[in-house]
């Protein structure tokens, strides 16, 4: 099942806008309804104001009406097994579960599979605010 997510993330990475960092990243999310939403990092000259590939993919998922992440793949052109940054880990946790699979990829495919709990063991939980 992870192969289609890897391909979607790799295709998204090809559309990254990373003129400053020169570090293209792609991400693909499979929502619980089975649909795939992809995104790439997009940088602007006001460097911290850009957004990550995972954030872009989450935005596409939410705008399409999906609400929960089943699994996600992340790939970076210059780094094998690129993990989501800290902010994106929390964003993914917001829409996933501790058991949500995260596929860390290189240019050939999935290199390692971890869970959101592995990446962010003490995530803020939305239930606390209810």
Protein backbone atom coordinates (compact mmCIF):
# COMPACT_ATOMS: atom_id res chain seq x y z
CA UNK A 1 0.00 0.00 0.00
CA UNK A 2 2.87 2.42 0.64
CA UNK A 3 4.10 2.40 -2.97
CA UNK A 4 1.33 4.69 -4.23
CA UNK A 5 2.02 7.13 -1.38
CA UNK A 6 5.73 7.09 -2.16
CA UNK A 7 5.02 7.85 -5.84
CA UNK A 8 2.63 10.68 -4.96
CA UNK A 9 5.17 12.19 -2.52
CA UNK A 10 7.96 11.90 -5.08
CA UNK A 11 5.82 13.56 -7.75
CA UNK A 12 4.91 16.35 -5.32
CA UNK A 13 8.58 16.87 -4.44
CA UNK A 14 9.24 17.58 -8.13
CA UNK A 15 6.90 20.59 -7.79
CA UNK A 16 8.53 22.02 -4.66
CA UNK A 17 9.38 25.72 -4.65
CA UNK A 18 12.64 25.76 -2.70
CA UNK A 19 14.84 28.47 -4.27
CA UNK A 20 16.44 29.48 -0.96
CA UNK A 21 17.12 26.22 0.87
CA UNK A 22 17.51 24.13 -2.29
CA UNK A 23 15.92 21.35 -0.21
CA UNK A 24 12.81 20.05 -2.03
CA UNK A 25 10.45 17.92 0.04
CA UNK A 26 7.31 16.03 -0.91
CA UNK A 27 4.62 14.46 1.24
CA UNK A 28 1.55 12.38 0.50
CA UNK A 29 -1.27 11.59 2.87
CA UNK A 30 -3.79 8.78 2.60
CA UNK A 31 -6.94 9.87 4.37
CA UNK A 32 -9.13 7.33 6.11
CA UNK A 33 -11.46 7.43 3.08
CA UNK A 34 -8.58 6.06 0.96
CA UNK A 35 -7.99 9.23 -1.07
CA UNK A 36 -4.45 10.57 -1.45
CA UNK A 37 -3.48 14.21 -0.96
CA UNK A 38 0.01 15.42 -1.81
CA UNK A 39 2.02 18.53 -1.13
CA UNK A 40 5.47 20.07 -1.51
CA UNK A 41 7.38 22.63 0.50
CA UNK A 42 6.88 26.17 -0.72
CA UNK A 43 9.37 28.85 0.30
CA UNK A 44 9.04 32.62 0.12
CA UNK A 45 11.74 35.25 0.49
CA UNK A 46 10.57 35.95 4.04
CA UNK A 47 12.16 32.62 4.86
CA UNK A 48 10.27 31.47 7.96
CA UNK A 49 6.95 32.24 6.30
CA UNK A 50 7.07 29.35 3.83
CA UNK A 51 5.33 26.07 4.51
CA UNK A 52 6.28 22.44 4.61
CA UNK A 53 5.22 19.63 2.29
CA UNK A 54 3.21 17.96 5.06
CA UNK A 55 1.38 21.23 5.78
CA UNK A 56 0.50 21.61 2.11
CA UNK A 57 -0.80 18.03 1.93
CA UNK A 58 -2.86 18.49 5.10
CA UNK A 59 -4.35 21.67 3.64
CA UNK A 60 -5.38 19.81 0.47
CA UNK A 61 -6.91 17.03 2.56
CA UNK A 62 -8.91 19.39 4.77
CA UNK A 63 -10.10 21.49 1.83
CA UNK A 64 -11.32 18.32 0.09
CA UNK A 65 -13.46 17.49 3.12
CA UNK A 66 -11.40 14.65 4.58
CA UNK A 67 -10.53 14.85 8.23
CA UNK A 68 -8.30 11.99 9.37
CA UNK A 69 -4.94 10.68 8.21
CA UNK A 70 -4.47 6.94 7.82
CA UNK A 71 -0.84 7.05 6.65
CA UNK A 72 1.72 9.45 5.24
CA UNK A 73 4.90 9.32 3.15
CA UNK A 74 7.70 11.90 3.23
CA UNK A 75 10.63 12.28 0.83
CA UNK A 76 13.42 14.83 0.45
CA UNK A 77 15.63 15.08 -2.61
CA UNK A 78 18.88 15.47 -0.65
CA UNK A 79 18.23 13.33 2.41
CA UNK A 80 17.30 9.69 2.87
CA UNK A 81 14.72 9.06 5.58
CA UNK A 82 13.73 12.69 5.98
CA UNK A 83 11.36 12.95 8.93
CA UNK A 84 8.71 15.64 9.33
CA UNK A 85 9.87 18.71 11.27
CA UNK A 86 8.59 19.27 14.80
CA UNK A 87 5.73 21.53 13.74
CA UNK A 88 4.59 19.09 11.09
CA UNK A 89 4.75 16.22 13.55
CA UNK A 90 2.20 18.05 15.69
CA UNK A 91 0.09 18.92 12.62
CA UNK A 92 0.08 15.27 11.55
CA UNK A 93 -0.80 14.21 15.10
CA UNK A 94 -3.76 16.61 15.01
CA UNK A 95 -5.26 14.72 12.07
CA UNK A 96 -3.85 11.25 12.68
CA UNK A 97 -3.53 8.89 15.60
CA UNK A 98 -0.48 7.64 17.52
CA UNK A 99 -0.66 4.49 15.35
CA UNK A 100 -0.67 6.39 12.02
CA UNK A 101 2.11 4.99 9.85
CA UNK A 102 4.75 7.38 8.51
CA UNK A 103 6.81 6.10 5.59
CA UNK A 104 10.27 7.64 5.39
CA UNK A 105 11.46 7.47 1.79
CA UNK A 106 14.48 7.99 -0.40
CA UNK A 107 14.48 8.18 -4.21
CA UNK A 108 13.97 4.42 -4.53
CA UNK A 109 11.02 3.98 -2.16
CA UNK A 110 10.17 3.43 1.48
CA UNK A 111 13.29 3.08 3.63
CA UNK A 112 11.70 2.90 7.07
CA UNK A 113 8.22 2.84 8.56
CA UNK A 114 7.52 4.49 11.91
CA UNK A 115 4.40 5.68 13.69
CA UNK A 116 3.40 9.16 14.76
CA UNK A 117 3.88 7.99 18.35
CA UNK A 118 7.49 7.11 17.48
CA UNK A 119 8.06 10.59 16.02
CA UNK A 120 6.12 12.58 18.63
CA UNK A 121 5.63 10.49 21.77
CA UNK A 122 4.23 13.35 23.85
CA UNK A 123 2.05 15.15 21.30
CA UNK A 124 -0.58 17.63 22.41
CA UNK A 125 -3.90 15.80 22.34
CA UNK A 126 -7.03 17.53 21.09
CA UNK A 127 -9.17 15.77 23.71
CA UNK A 128 -7.52 17.90 26.40
CA UNK A 129 -9.18 21.00 24.99
CA UNK A 130 -12.70 19.56 24.87
